[in-house]
């Protein structure tokens, strides 16, 4: 499982504004049949900024019953990879429009791996 702030939409600056705004919500990504986790990260602040997620290297599982992929997260601080048959993403709260790409600790409900939606 991965706990992250997901950017649902980038809002272009309006006339007279200089910066983007973002619709952001906390989500839990749950990888199915995950194995072979590779981390190549260097973060002095203990935070990661994911730039992109790639689903690569499609193949059959060893028993031949399912497709699996490598899910590679490209981050500003390096990359990490997880091999899995898929994932589900659970949105835990409604997206919030804000000027930052990440939610603060209180808005996101702390570090959380819940799969439940909360309206508070």
C-alpha atoms as a PDB file:
ATOM      1  CA  UNK A   1       0.000   0.000   0.000  1.00  0.00           C
ATOM      2  CA  UNK A   2       1.074   3.553  -0.722  1.00  0.00           C
ATOM      3  CA  UNK A   3      -0.386   6.678   0.883  1.00  0.00           C
ATOM      4  CA  UNK A   4      -0.152   9.745  -1.343  1.00  0.00           C
ATOM      5  CA  UNK A   5      -1.733  13.036  -2.369  1.00  0.00           C
ATOM      6  CA  UNK A   6      -3.193  12.629  -5.850  1.00  0.00           C
ATOM      7  CA  UNK A   7      -3.548  15.632  -8.148  1.00  0.00           C
ATOM      8  CA  UNK A   8      -6.842  15.196  -9.995  1.00  0.00           C
ATOM      9  CA  UNK A   9      -6.546  18.390 -12.024  1.00  0.00           C
ATOM     10  CA  UNK A  10      -4.133  21.260 -12.670  1.00  0.00           C
ATOM     11  CA  UNK A  11      -5.924  24.623 -12.995  1.00  0.00           C
ATOM     12  CA  UNK A  12      -4.191  27.127 -15.271  1.00  0.00           C
ATOM     13  CA  UNK A  13      -3.647  30.603 -13.819  1.00  0.00           C
ATOM     14  CA  UNK A  14      -6.368  33.086 -14.687  1.00  0.00           C
ATOM     15  CA  UNK A  15      -5.560  36.420 -16.204  1.00  0.00           C
ATOM     16  CA  UNK A  16      -3.554  38.386 -13.654  1.00  0.00           C
ATOM     17  CA  UNK A  17      -2.568  35.242 -11.682  1.00  0.00           C
ATOM     18  CA  UNK A  18       0.933  33.794 -11.837  1.00  0.00           C
ATOM     19  CA  UNK A  19       0.567  30.281 -10.409  1.00  0.00           C
ATOM     20  CA  UNK A  20      -1.329  27.052 -11.046  1.00  0.00           C
ATOM     21  CA  UNK A  21      -3.870  25.683  -8.569  1.00  0.00           C
ATOM     22  CA  UNK A  22      -4.522  21.991  -7.990  1.00  0.00           C
ATOM     23  CA  UNK A  23      -7.457  19.752  -7.097  1.00  0.00           C
ATOM     24  CA  UNK A  24      -5.794  17.352  -4.614  1.00  0.00           C
ATOM     25  CA  UNK A  25      -7.087  14.474  -2.470  1.00  0.00           C
ATOM     26  CA  UNK A  26      -5.461  11.852  -0.244  1.00  0.00           C
ATOM     27  CA  UNK A  27      -5.555   8.360  -1.744  1.00  0.00           C
ATOM     28  CA  UNK A  28      -4.433   4.872  -0.826  1.00  0.00           C
ATOM     29  CA  UNK A  29      -2.996   2.766  -3.652  1.00  0.00           C
ATOM     30  CA  UNK A  30      -3.253  -0.962  -2.937  1.00  0.00           C
ATOM     31  CA  UNK A  31      -1.149  -3.154  -5.211  1.00  0.00           C
ATOM     32  CA  UNK A  32      -2.415  -6.659  -5.925  1.00  0.00           C
ATOM     33  CA  UNK A  33      -0.057  -9.640  -5.706  1.00  0.00           C
ATOM     34  CA  UNK A  34       2.863  -7.252  -5.221  1.00  0.00           C
ATOM     35  CA  UNK A  35       6.468  -8.381  -4.984  1.00  0.00           C
ATOM     36  CA  UNK A  36       9.985  -7.339  -5.985  1.00  0.00           C
ATOM     37  CA  UNK A  37       9.956  -3.797  -4.600  1.00  0.00           C
ATOM     38  CA  UNK A  38      12.967  -1.723  -5.643  1.00  0.00           C
ATOM     39  CA  UNK A  39      13.715   1.660  -4.032  1.00  0.00           C
ATOM     40  CA  UNK A  40      16.313   4.069  -5.396  1.00  0.00           C
ATOM     41  CA  UNK A  41      15.395   7.211  -3.460  1.00  0.00           C
ATOM     42  CA  UNK A  42      17.354   9.970  -1.773  1.00  0.00           C
ATOM     43  CA  UNK A  43      15.219  12.429   0.204  1.00  0.00           C
ATOM     44  CA  UNK A  44      16.659  14.630   2.902  1.00  0.00           C
ATOM     45  CA  UNK A  45      13.182  15.871   3.921  1.00  0.00           C
ATOM     46  CA  UNK A  46      11.621  12.398   4.036  1.00  0.00           C
ATOM     47  CA  UNK A  47       9.087  13.346   1.348  1.00  0.00           C
ATOM     48  CA  UNK A  48       8.658  12.234  -2.254  1.00  0.00           C
ATOM     49  CA  UNK A  49       7.218  14.096  -5.211  1.00  0.00           C
ATOM     50  CA  UNK A  50       5.975  11.625  -7.817  1.00  0.00           C
ATOM     51  CA  UNK A  51       6.319  13.059 -11.320  1.00  0.00           C
ATOM     52  CA  UNK A  52       4.938  10.093 -13.256  1.00  0.00           C
ATOM     53  CA  UNK A  53       3.764   6.496 -12.968  1.00  0.00           C
ATOM     54  CA  UNK A  54       4.653   4.028 -15.735  1.00  0.00           C
ATOM     55  CA  UNK A  55       3.153   0.567 -16.212  1.00  0.00           C
ATOM     56  CA  UNK A  56       5.809  -1.400 -18.132  1.00  0.00           C
ATOM     57  CA  UNK A  57       7.089  -4.903 -18.865  1.00  0.00           C
ATOM     58  CA  UNK A  58       3.755  -6.717 -19.293  1.00  0.00           C
ATOM     59  CA  UNK A  59       4.073 -10.467 -18.849  1.00  0.00           C
ATOM     60  CA  UNK A  60       2.184 -13.493 -17.529  1.00  0.00           C
ATOM     61  CA  UNK A  61       2.532 -14.557 -13.920  1.00  0.00           C
ATOM     62  CA  UNK A  62       4.539 -17.723 -13.310  1.00  0.00           C
ATOM     63  CA  UNK A  63       1.353 -19.813 -13.213  1.00  0.00           C
ATOM     64  CA  UNK A  64       0.217 -18.192 -16.496  1.00  0.00           C
ATOM     65  CA  UNK A  65      -3.188 -17.196 -15.105  1.00  0.00           C
ATOM     66  CA  UNK A  66      -2.752 -13.411 -14.811  1.00  0.00           C
ATOM     67  CA  UNK A  67      -0.996 -10.482 -16.455  1.00  0.00           C
ATOM     68  CA  UNK A  68       1.478  -8.571 -14.341  1.00  0.00           C
ATOM     69  CA  UNK A  69       3.506  -5.402 -14.838  1.00  0.00           C
ATOM     70  CA  UNK A  70       6.247  -3.356 -13.292  1.00  0.00           C
ATOM     71  CA  UNK A  71       4.827  -0.120 -11.898  1.00  0.00           C
ATOM     72  CA  UNK A  72       7.617   2.462 -11.923  1.00  0.00           C
ATOM     73  CA  UNK A  73       7.217   5.716 -10.015  1.00  0.00           C
ATOM     74  CA  UNK A  74       9.481   8.471 -11.337  1.00  0.00           C
ATOM     75  CA  UNK A  75      10.125  10.906  -8.477  1.00  0.00           C
ATOM     76  CA  UNK A  76      12.104  14.098  -8.073  1.00  0.00           C
ATOM     77  CA  UNK A  77      14.150  12.161  -5.489  1.00  0.00           C
ATOM     78  CA  UNK A  78      14.767   9.024  -7.590  1.00  0.00           C
ATOM     79  CA  UNK A  79      12.472   6.134  -8.462  1.00  0.00           C
ATOM     80  CA  UNK A  80      10.811   3.075  -7.037  1.00  0.00           C
ATOM     81  CA  UNK A  81       9.347   0.031  -8.730  1.00  0.00           C
ATOM     82  CA  UNK A  82       6.771  -2.551  -7.721  1.00  0.00           C
ATOM     83  CA  UNK A  83       5.864  -5.700  -9.663  1.00  0.00           C
ATOM     84  CA  UNK A  84       2.158  -6.545  -9.338  1.00  0.00           C
ATOM     85  CA  UNK A  85      -0.904  -7.819 -11.172  1.00  0.00           C
ATOM     86  CA  UNK A  86      -2.629  -4.445 -10.739  1.00  0.00           C
ATOM     87  CA  UNK A  87      -3.746  -1.894  -8.199  1.00  0.00           C
ATOM     88  CA  UNK A  88      -6.812  -0.196  -6.798  1.00  0.00           C
ATOM     89  CA  UNK A  89      -6.840   3.450  -5.773  1.00  0.00           C
ATOM     90  CA  UNK A  90      -9.092   4.480  -2.886  1.00  0.00           C
ATOM     91  CA  UNK A  91      -9.915   8.180  -2.681  1.00  0.00           C
ATOM     92  CA  UNK A  92     -10.230   8.954   1.028  1.00  0.00           C
ATOM     93  CA  UNK A  93     -11.615  12.527   0.854  1.00  0.00           C
ATOM     94  CA  UNK A  94     -13.083  14.854  -1.751  1.00  0.00           C
ATOM     95  CA  UNK A  95     -10.449  16.804  -3.711  1.00  0.00           C
ATOM     96  CA  UNK A  96      -9.555  20.247  -2.346  1.00  0.00           C
ATOM     97  CA  UNK A  97      -8.622  23.207  -4.565  1.00  0.00           C
ATOM     98  CA  UNK A  98      -5.358  24.716  -3.360  1.00  0.00           C
ATOM     99  CA  UNK A  99      -2.163  26.412  -4.486  1.00  0.00           C
ATOM    100  CA  UNK A 100       0.103  23.539  -3.369  1.00  0.00           C
ATOM    101  CA  UNK A 101       0.512  20.108  -4.975  1.00  0.00           C
ATOM    102  CA  UNK A 102       0.390  18.351  -1.601  1.00  0.00           C
ATOM    103  CA  UNK A 103      -2.014  18.534   1.306  1.00  0.00           C
ATOM    104  CA  UNK A 104      -0.845  19.471   4.770  1.00  0.00           C
ATOM    105  CA  UNK A 105      -0.781  16.782   7.449  1.00  0.00           C
ATOM    106  CA  UNK A 106      -4.099  17.821   9.042  1.00  0.00           C
ATOM    107  CA  UNK A 107      -6.057  18.172   5.765  1.00  0.00           C
ATOM    108  CA  UNK A 108      -4.981  14.743   4.548  1.00  0.00           C
ATOM    109  CA  UNK A 109      -5.747  13.040   7.889  1.00  0.00           C
ATOM    110  CA  UNK A 110      -2.132  12.226   8.722  1.00  0.00           C
ATOM    111  CA  UNK A 111      -0.352   9.190   7.358  1.00  0.00           C
ATOM    112  CA  UNK A 112      -3.172   6.849   6.501  1.00  0.00           C
ATOM    113  CA  UNK A 113      -3.717   3.596   4.628  1.00  0.00           C
ATOM    114  CA  UNK A 114      -7.513   3.515   4.937  1.00  0.00           C
ATOM    115  CA  UNK A 115      -9.651   2.333   2.058  1.00  0.00           C
ATOM    116  CA  UNK A 116     -12.672   4.242   3.342  1.00  0.00           C
ATOM    117  CA  UNK A 117     -14.012   7.594   2.147  1.00  0.00           C
ATOM    118  CA  UNK A 118     -14.434  10.265   4.809  1.00  0.00           C
ATOM    119  CA  UNK A 119     -16.506  13.387   4.211  1.00  0.00           C
ATOM    120  CA  UNK A 120     -14.840  15.248   7.098  1.00  0.00           C
END
